[in-house]
Protein backbone atom coordinates (compact mmCIF):
# COMPACT_ATOMS: atom_id res chain seq x y z
CA MET A 1 0.00 0.00 0.00
CA GLY A 2 1.29 3.47 -0.82
CA LYS A 3 1.81 6.18 1.76
CA GLN A 4 -0.81 8.87 2.08
CA VAL A 5 0.48 12.22 0.90
CA ILE A 6 -0.86 15.27 2.68
CA ASP A 7 -0.61 18.47 0.67
CA ILE A 8 0.25 21.27 3.07
CA ASN A 9 1.31 24.78 2.20
CA TRP A 10 4.30 25.30 4.49
CA ASP A 11 5.02 28.79 3.20
CA GLN A 12 2.27 30.65 5.03
CA LYS A 13 2.27 34.28 6.08
CA PHE A 14 -0.46 36.04 7.99
CA ASP A 15 -1.76 39.04 6.07
CA PHE A 16 -2.64 41.83 8.47
CA ALA A 17 -5.22 43.27 6.11
CA GLY A 18 -7.84 45.96 6.60
CA THR A 19 -10.44 43.39 7.64
CA PHE A 20 -8.35 42.74 10.76
CA LYS A 21 -7.20 46.31 11.32
CA LYS A 22 -10.70 47.80 11.50
CA PRO A 23 -11.96 45.73 14.46
CA ILE A 24 -8.69 46.33 16.30
CA MET A 25 -8.93 50.07 15.73
CA LYS A 26 -12.53 50.04 16.95
CA VAL A 27 -11.46 48.27 20.15
CA LEU A 28 -8.60 50.76 20.64
CA VAL A 29 -10.94 53.72 20.14
CA LEU A 30 -13.49 52.19 22.53
CA GLY A 31 -10.72 51.63 25.07
CA ALA A 32 -9.58 55.25 24.76
CA ILE A 33 -13.15 56.49 25.24
CA LEU A 34 -13.63 54.32 28.32
CA LEU A 35 -10.27 55.50 29.71
CA VAL A 36 -11.22 59.15 29.35
CA ALA A 37 -14.68 58.46 30.77
CA GLY A 38 -13.14 56.68 33.76
CA ILE A 39 -10.78 59.57 34.44
CA VAL A 40 -13.60 62.11 34.22
CA ILE A 41 -15.83 60.07 36.55
CA GLU A 42 -13.00 59.63 39.05
CA MET A 43 -12.22 63.36 38.95
CA MET A 44 -15.87 64.25 39.50
CA ALA A 45 -15.99 61.87 42.46
CA GLY A 46 -13.29 63.82 44.24
CA GLY A 47 -10.38 64.36 41.94
CA HIS A 48 -9.60 67.91 43.07
CA GLU A 49 -9.54 67.19 46.78
CA GLU A 50 -7.84 64.86 49.17
CA VAL A 51 -10.73 62.47 49.67
CA ALA A 52 -9.06 60.13 52.13
CA GLU A 53 -5.77 59.05 53.53
CA ALA A 54 -3.99 56.11 51.86
CA GLY A 55 -1.21 55.23 54.27
CA ASP A 56 0.73 58.46 54.78
CA HIS A 57 -0.38 59.91 51.44
CA ALA A 58 -3.62 61.57 50.42
CA TYR A 59 -5.56 59.80 47.69
CA HIS A 60 -6.17 61.58 44.37
CA TRP A 61 -7.92 60.37 41.23
CA TYR A 62 -4.65 59.97 39.35
CA HIS A 63 -3.31 57.42 41.86
CA ARG A 64 -5.77 54.88 40.49
CA LEU A 65 -4.66 55.69 36.95
CA PHE A 66 -1.01 55.22 37.98
CA ALA A 67 -1.77 51.84 39.54
CA ALA A 68 -3.60 50.73 36.38
CA ILE A 69 -0.66 51.82 34.23
CA TRP A 70 1.74 49.77 36.35
CA VAL A 71 -0.49 46.68 36.25
CA ASN A 72 -0.69 46.94 32.45
CA ASN A 73 3.07 47.43 32.12
CA ILE A 74 4.08 44.39 34.12
CA TYR A 75 1.30 42.08 32.96
CA PHE A 76 1.76 42.55 29.22
CA ALA A 77 5.55 42.77 29.42
CA GLY A 78 5.38 39.41 31.18
CA ILE A 79 3.24 37.83 28.46
CA ALA A 80 5.73 39.13 25.86
CA VAL A 81 8.78 37.61 27.55
CA ILE A 82 6.88 34.40 28.29
CA GLY A 83 6.42 33.99 24.54
CA VAL A 84 10.20 34.02 24.12
CA PHE A 85 10.55 31.70 27.12
CA PHE A 86 8.11 29.19 25.64
CA PHE A 87 9.98 29.24 22.31
CA ALA A 88 13.34 28.75 24.02
CA LEU A 89 11.96 25.98 26.21
CA GLN A 90 10.86 23.99 23.17
CA TYR A 91 14.32 24.18 21.59
CA ALA A 92 16.16 23.40 24.81
CA ALA A 93 13.94 20.37 25.39
CA GLN A 94 14.22 19.31 21.73
CA ALA A 95 10.42 19.21 21.56
CA GLY A 96 8.95 18.32 18.19
CA TRP A 97 5.22 18.67 18.79
CA SER A 98 5.32 22.47 18.97
CA ALA A 99 7.16 23.11 15.68
CA PRO A 100 4.04 24.29 13.77
CA ILE A 101 3.10 26.93 16.36
CA LEU A 102 6.51 28.26 17.50
CA ARG A 103 6.23 31.43 15.44
CA ILE A 104 3.25 32.51 17.54
CA PRO A 105 4.90 32.73 20.98
CA LEU A 106 8.12 34.04 19.44
CA SER A 107 6.18 36.93 17.89
CA PHE A 108 5.15 38.06 21.39
CA GLY A 109 8.72 39.24 21.88
CA ASN A 110 8.15 42.07 19.40
CA TRP A 111 6.42 43.91 22.24
CA LEU A 112 9.49 43.84 24.50
CA PRO A 113 11.22 47.01 23.19
CA TYR A 114 7.97 48.95 23.54
CA ALA A 115 7.32 47.44 26.96
CA ALA A 116 10.81 48.47 28.05
CA VAL A 117 10.34 52.10 27.01
CA ILE A 118 6.83 52.36 28.46
CA THR A 119 7.77 50.72 31.77
CA ILE A 120 10.96 52.72 32.31
CA VAL A 121 9.37 56.03 31.35
CA SER A 122 6.24 55.36 33.39
CA TYR A 123 8.38 54.52 36.43
CA PHE A 124 9.70 58.09 36.45
CA ILE A 125 6.11 59.35 36.23
CA VAL A 126 4.25 57.02 38.58
CA GLY A 127 7.04 55.39 40.60
CA HIS A 128 6.91 57.82 43.52
CA ASP A 129 3.22 57.02 44.03
CA ILE A 130 3.51 53.27 43.41
CA PHE A 131 6.63 52.46 45.47
CA HIS A 132 6.56 53.62 49.08
CA TRP A 133 10.30 52.99 49.48
CA THR A 134 11.13 55.88 47.12
CA HIS A 135 10.33 58.49 49.81
CA SER A 136 13.54 59.88 51.29
CA TYR A 137 12.17 60.56 54.80
CA LEU A 138 11.89 56.81 55.42
CA TYR A 139 15.69 56.62 55.62
CA ASP A 140 16.19 59.62 57.93
CA VAL A 141 16.58 58.36 61.51
CA ASN A 142 15.63 61.81 62.79
CA ASP A 143 12.34 61.85 60.90
CA PRO A 144 9.23 60.67 62.82
CA GLN A 145 8.27 58.50 59.82
CA TYR A 146 11.64 56.73 59.73
CA ASP A 147 11.16 53.05 58.85
CA ARG A 148 13.79 50.63 60.11
CA ILE A 149 12.66 47.75 57.91
CA ILE A 150 12.65 49.79 54.71
CA ASP A 151 15.96 51.39 55.68
CA GLY A 152 17.44 47.90 55.97
CA LYS A 153 16.36 47.15 52.41
CA GLY A 154 17.49 50.51 51.02
CA GLY A 155 20.78 49.28 49.63
CA PHE A 156 18.95 46.86 47.32
CA PHE A 157 17.32 49.84 45.62
CA PHE A 158 19.79 52.70 45.89
CA TRP A 159 23.30 51.18 45.86
CA PRO A 160 25.88 52.67 45.37
CA MET A 161 24.15 55.99 46.07
CA ALA A 162 22.75 57.16 49.38
CA LYS A 163 19.48 55.63 50.53
CA GLY A 164 16.52 57.80 49.62
CA SER A 165 18.30 59.47 46.70
CA PHE A 166 18.13 58.11 43.13
CA PRO A 167 17.43 54.33 42.98
CA ILE A 168 20.15 53.64 40.44
CA PHE A 169 20.53 49.95 41.29
CA PHE A 170 16.79 49.43 40.81
CA ILE A 171 16.79 51.27 37.47
CA VAL A 172 19.91 49.45 36.23
CA ARG A 173 18.27 46.10 36.93
CA MET A 174 15.16 47.14 35.03
CA VAL A 175 17.15 48.34 32.01
CA VAL A 176 19.41 45.27 31.98
CA PHE A 177 16.51 42.83 32.20
CA PHE A 178 14.53 44.41 29.38
CA ALA A 179 17.63 44.89 27.22
CA ALA A 180 18.74 41.29 27.68
CA TRP A 181 15.26 39.91 27.02
CA ALA A 182 15.00 41.95 23.83
CA LEU A 183 18.50 40.94 22.68
CA PHE A 184 17.79 37.25 23.28
CA PHE A 185 14.51 37.61 21.41
CA ASN A 186 16.16 39.22 18.39
CA LYS A 187 18.91 36.61 18.34
CA LEU A 188 16.45 33.71 18.55
CA LYS A 189 14.27 35.24 15.86
CA GLN A 190 17.30 35.72 13.59
CA LEU A 191 18.51 32.13 14.08
CA SER A 192 15.02 30.71 13.67
CA TYR A 193 14.48 32.48 10.35
CA ALA A 194 17.93 31.47 9.15
CA GLU A 195 17.16 27.85 10.03
CA ASP A 196 14.02 27.97 7.88
CA LEU A 197 15.86 29.47 4.91
CA GLU A 198 19.10 27.52 5.05
CA LYS A 199 17.67 24.24 6.39
CA SER A 200 20.94 23.58 8.22
CA ASP A 201 21.39 21.69 11.49
CA SER A 202 23.97 24.25 12.56
CA TYR A 203 21.29 26.92 13.05
CA TRP A 204 19.17 24.50 15.08
CA ARG A 205 22.14 23.78 17.35
CA ARG A 206 22.95 27.46 17.77
CA THR A 207 19.30 28.22 18.51
CA ARG A 208 19.27 25.48 21.15
CA THR A 209 22.44 26.86 22.75
CA VAL A 210 21.11 30.42 22.87
CA SER A 211 17.79 29.10 24.21
CA ALA A 212 19.53 27.28 27.05
CA ILE A 213 21.48 30.42 28.00
CA PHE A 214 18.32 32.50 27.88
CA LEU A 215 16.46 30.08 30.14
CA VAL A 216 19.16 30.35 32.80
CA PHE A 217 19.14 34.15 32.59
CA PHE A 218 15.35 34.26 32.61
CA ALA A 219 15.17 32.07 35.71
CA VAL A 220 17.17 34.66 37.66
CA SER A 221 15.92 37.86 36.04
CA SER A 222 12.21 37.00 36.24
CA SER A 223 12.48 36.31 39.98
CA VAL A 224 14.38 39.53 40.67
CA ALA A 225 11.90 41.42 38.48
CA ALA A 226 9.08 39.99 40.60
CA TRP A 227 10.77 41.30 43.75
CA ASP A 228 11.49 44.70 42.20
CA TRP A 229 8.36 45.49 40.24
CA ILE A 230 5.63 43.92 42.37
CA MET A 231 6.76 42.61 45.77
CA SER A 232 8.56 45.86 46.69
CA ILE A 233 5.22 47.69 46.53
CA ASP A 234 4.43 46.06 49.90
CA THR A 235 7.90 46.76 51.23
CA HIS A 236 7.39 45.26 54.68
CA TRP A 237 6.19 41.99 53.21
CA PHE A 238 8.26 39.30 51.57
CA SER A 239 7.82 35.78 50.26
CA THR A 240 10.50 33.37 49.10
CA MET A 241 7.91 31.91 46.70
CA PHE A 242 6.90 35.15 45.03
CA GLY A 243 9.24 34.77 42.04
CA TRP A 244 7.62 31.42 41.27
CA TYR A 245 4.18 32.87 41.84
CA MET A 246 4.63 35.73 39.39
CA PHE A 247 6.20 33.38 36.83
CA ALA A 248 3.26 30.98 37.13
CA SER A 249 0.80 33.82 36.58
CA TRP A 250 2.74 35.11 33.58
CA PHE A 251 3.19 31.63 32.12
CA VAL A 252 -0.42 30.44 32.21
CA ALA A 253 -1.58 33.80 30.80
CA GLY A 254 1.02 33.49 28.03
CA LEU A 255 -0.07 29.92 27.26
CA SER A 256 -3.67 31.10 27.03
CA ALA A 257 -2.67 33.85 24.61
CA VAL A 258 -0.76 31.34 22.44
CA THR A 259 -3.77 29.00 22.44
CA LEU A 260 -6.22 31.78 21.60
CA ILE A 261 -4.15 33.07 18.67
CA THR A 262 -3.50 29.55 17.39
CA LEU A 263 -7.23 28.85 17.31
CA PHE A 264 -7.93 32.21 15.69
CA LEU A 265 -5.41 31.60 12.90
CA LYS A 266 -6.65 28.04 12.46
CA ASP A 267 -10.21 29.31 12.02
CA LYS A 268 -8.97 31.78 9.37
CA GLY A 269 -7.43 29.00 7.30
CA TYR A 270 -3.83 29.34 8.47
CA LEU A 271 -1.68 26.74 10.26
CA GLU A 272 -2.74 23.83 8.07
CA MET A 273 -0.15 21.65 9.80
CA VAL A 274 -1.77 22.17 13.21
CA ASN A 275 -4.17 19.35 14.06
CA SER A 276 -6.31 18.29 17.00
CA ASN A 277 -3.30 16.76 18.74
CA HIS A 278 -1.53 20.14 18.86
CA ILE A 279 -4.69 21.76 20.20
CA HIS A 280 -4.94 18.98 22.78
CA ASP A 281 -1.35 19.60 23.91
CA LEU A 282 -2.04 23.31 24.36
CA GLY A 283 -5.16 22.45 26.35
CA LYS A 284 -3.14 20.13 28.58
CA PHE A 285 -0.59 22.88 29.18
CA MET A 286 -3.32 25.34 30.19
CA PHE A 287 -4.95 22.76 32.45
CA ALA A 288 -1.68 21.74 34.10
CA PHE A 289 -0.31 25.22 34.71
CA SER A 290 -3.63 26.52 36.03
CA ILE A 291 -3.24 23.86 38.70
CA PHE A 292 0.44 24.80 39.13
CA TRP A 293 -0.48 28.46 39.68
CA THR A 294 -3.06 27.40 42.27
CA TYR A 295 -0.52 25.18 43.99
CA ILE A 296 1.89 28.12 44.31
CA TRP A 297 -0.91 30.45 45.44
CA PHE A 298 -2.12 28.09 48.13
CA SER A 299 1.37 27.08 49.27
CA GLN A 300 2.40 30.71 49.67
CA PHE A 301 -0.83 31.49 51.51
CA LEU A 302 -0.71 28.42 53.76
CA LEU A 303 2.95 28.75 54.78
CA ILE A 304 2.72 32.46 55.53
CA TYR A 305 -0.72 32.47 57.15
CA TYR A 306 0.02 29.42 59.28
CA ALA A 307 3.24 31.03 60.56
CA ASN A 308 1.18 34.07 61.70
CA ILE A 309 4.12 36.45 61.41
CA PRO A 310 2.53 39.94 61.29
CA GLU A 311 4.82 41.49 58.66
CA GLU A 312 4.14 38.54 56.33
CA SER A 313 0.51 37.61 56.97
CA VAL A 314 -0.65 41.23 56.64
CA TYR A 315 -0.39 40.82 52.85
CA PHE A 316 -3.24 38.29 52.93
CA VAL A 317 -5.16 39.91 55.76
CA GLU A 318 -5.56 43.22 53.93
CA ARG A 319 -6.84 41.36 50.87
CA LEU A 320 -9.08 38.70 52.40
CA GLN A 321 -10.66 40.90 55.08
CA SER A 322 -11.26 43.84 52.76
CA GLU A 323 -14.81 44.47 51.54
CA LEU A 324 -13.30 45.67 48.27
CA TYR A 325 -10.59 43.09 47.58
CA GLY A 326 -12.03 40.09 49.45
CA PRO A 327 -14.57 39.22 46.73
CA LEU A 328 -11.88 39.70 44.06
CA VAL A 329 -9.71 37.06 45.76
CA PHE A 330 -12.45 34.49 45.18
CA VAL A 331 -13.12 35.77 41.66
CA ASN A 332 -9.40 35.34 41.06
CA LEU A 333 -9.49 31.72 42.22
CA GLY A 334 -12.68 31.04 40.27
CA LEU A 335 -11.40 32.36 36.95
CA ASN A 336 -7.87 31.02 37.24
CA PHE A 337 -8.47 27.62 38.83
CA ILE A 338 -12.03 26.43 39.40
CA LEU A 339 -13.47 27.16 35.94
CA PRO A 340 -10.37 26.01 33.95
CA PHE A 341 -10.17 22.88 36.10
CA LEU A 342 -13.82 21.95 35.63
CA VAL A 343 -14.05 22.85 31.95
CA LEU A 344 -10.77 21.24 30.83
CA MET A 345 -10.97 18.17 33.00
CA THR A 346 -12.12 15.89 30.16
CA ARG A 347 -10.02 14.91 27.17
CA ASP A 348 -12.64 16.07 24.65
CA ALA A 349 -12.78 19.57 26.15
CA LYS A 350 -9.03 19.99 25.59
CA ARG A 351 -9.51 19.21 21.89
CA HIS A 352 -12.56 21.41 21.37
CA GLY A 353 -11.85 24.93 20.11
CA VAL A 354 -14.91 26.54 21.68
CA PHE A 355 -14.03 25.36 25.20
CA LEU A 356 -10.39 26.40 24.79
CA LYS A 357 -11.35 29.86 23.52
CA VAL A 358 -13.63 30.47 26.48
CA VAL A 359 -11.08 29.22 29.02
CA SER A 360 -8.25 31.19 27.37
CA VAL A 361 -10.20 34.44 27.66
CA LEU A 362 -11.18 33.66 31.27
CA ILE A 363 -7.56 32.96 32.22
CA ILE A 364 -6.20 36.10 30.52
CA VAL A 365 -8.81 38.24 32.29
CA GLY A 366 -8.37 36.30 35.51
CA HIS A 367 -4.64 36.84 35.73
CA TYR A 368 -5.08 40.52 34.97
CA ILE A 369 -7.24 40.55 38.11
CA ASP A 370 -4.45 38.61 39.83
CA TYR A 371 -1.98 41.39 39.06
CA THR A 372 -4.51 44.00 40.10
CA LEU A 373 -4.69 42.26 43.49
CA MET A 374 -0.90 42.31 43.70
CA VAL A 375 -0.65 46.06 43.04
CA GLN A 376 -3.74 47.94 44.21
CA PRO A 377 -3.95 47.07 47.92
CA GLY A 378 -0.38 48.31 48.47
CA THR A 379 -0.89 51.50 46.48
CA LEU A 380 -4.55 52.49 46.71
CA ARG A 381 -5.63 50.82 49.95
CA GLU A 382 -9.47 50.89 49.89
CA HIS A 383 -9.70 53.15 46.82
CA GLY A 384 -8.97 50.51 44.17
CA GLY A 385 -11.19 48.07 42.32
CA LEU A 386 -11.94 47.10 38.75
CA VAL A 387 -14.73 49.60 38.22
């Protein structure tokens, strides 16, 4: 019997035509309108006055805008670098199943240069209101608001300059991380394209080597970035698991974005080589890492809450006992664990595009809420929320 020949067009290129641009532009315009409307409503609710005290700072309408900007920066920068991470992981592991979809996560890295500029610039605009440790009086032993704990951590932010001055060490880390991530992305993209054109094993080997180096760098840089960009907002609090927690949140959101785009392109007639087995594998990844994120969440909560150390457990107390954030904690668990777990439990659900699309959207929205819960309580106190 002869072998079955499957005619597949391997030279496919997505055409970003006007039919795709128009809906995107409509969404962007709608988003801009809602942003302006939200700012106006917040200003009318008390934007010109100090409506309440948030810690040792008065709350203004723009504080909520600053917190939202920071959540967006870190969340979408994370999804971008996770795309590069997923690509590198496949090469380092010599995985074959993912070959037809690798261009999708790799393309996420195109956002990294923009994310770098936006995050660094926005830090100089919103950083003083987001990060309590930037206030110089905290390091003055003669000031009544002197903070011994924050003073002890000052060197991690300000070295080699004086504490409370310019946080050069913090800024250098941010610049180095983004620069390295972008450089690794460009190198991997260059090698990957060359491998397609030249069809030489040498490019595959070089790509695998660069991928392995990137994975080691990413393991360190992503954890330090978690400490710098999110955990330092609640400066008195710390968790040795937080680097893993932020990675898990980034990773499952990135996997959901890869799955959603893969299904979208498949529906539009692209990715002829992608079959139900590839879709099933993506579904298994989403299912598994939703459970992994929950495992990290619960482990961090259980270990810290059970220890009942005030400077650690306060992180969970101010979220769980808050009338504002308490319900969001359970929404967070519902969207990121309960619904994905129940929907994707069966084999058929992991191979069905409709189920995967719904779960992907839920997870992407859910982990945005997760990052909102990481940022807002430490910056806005009881003046945050999603609406």
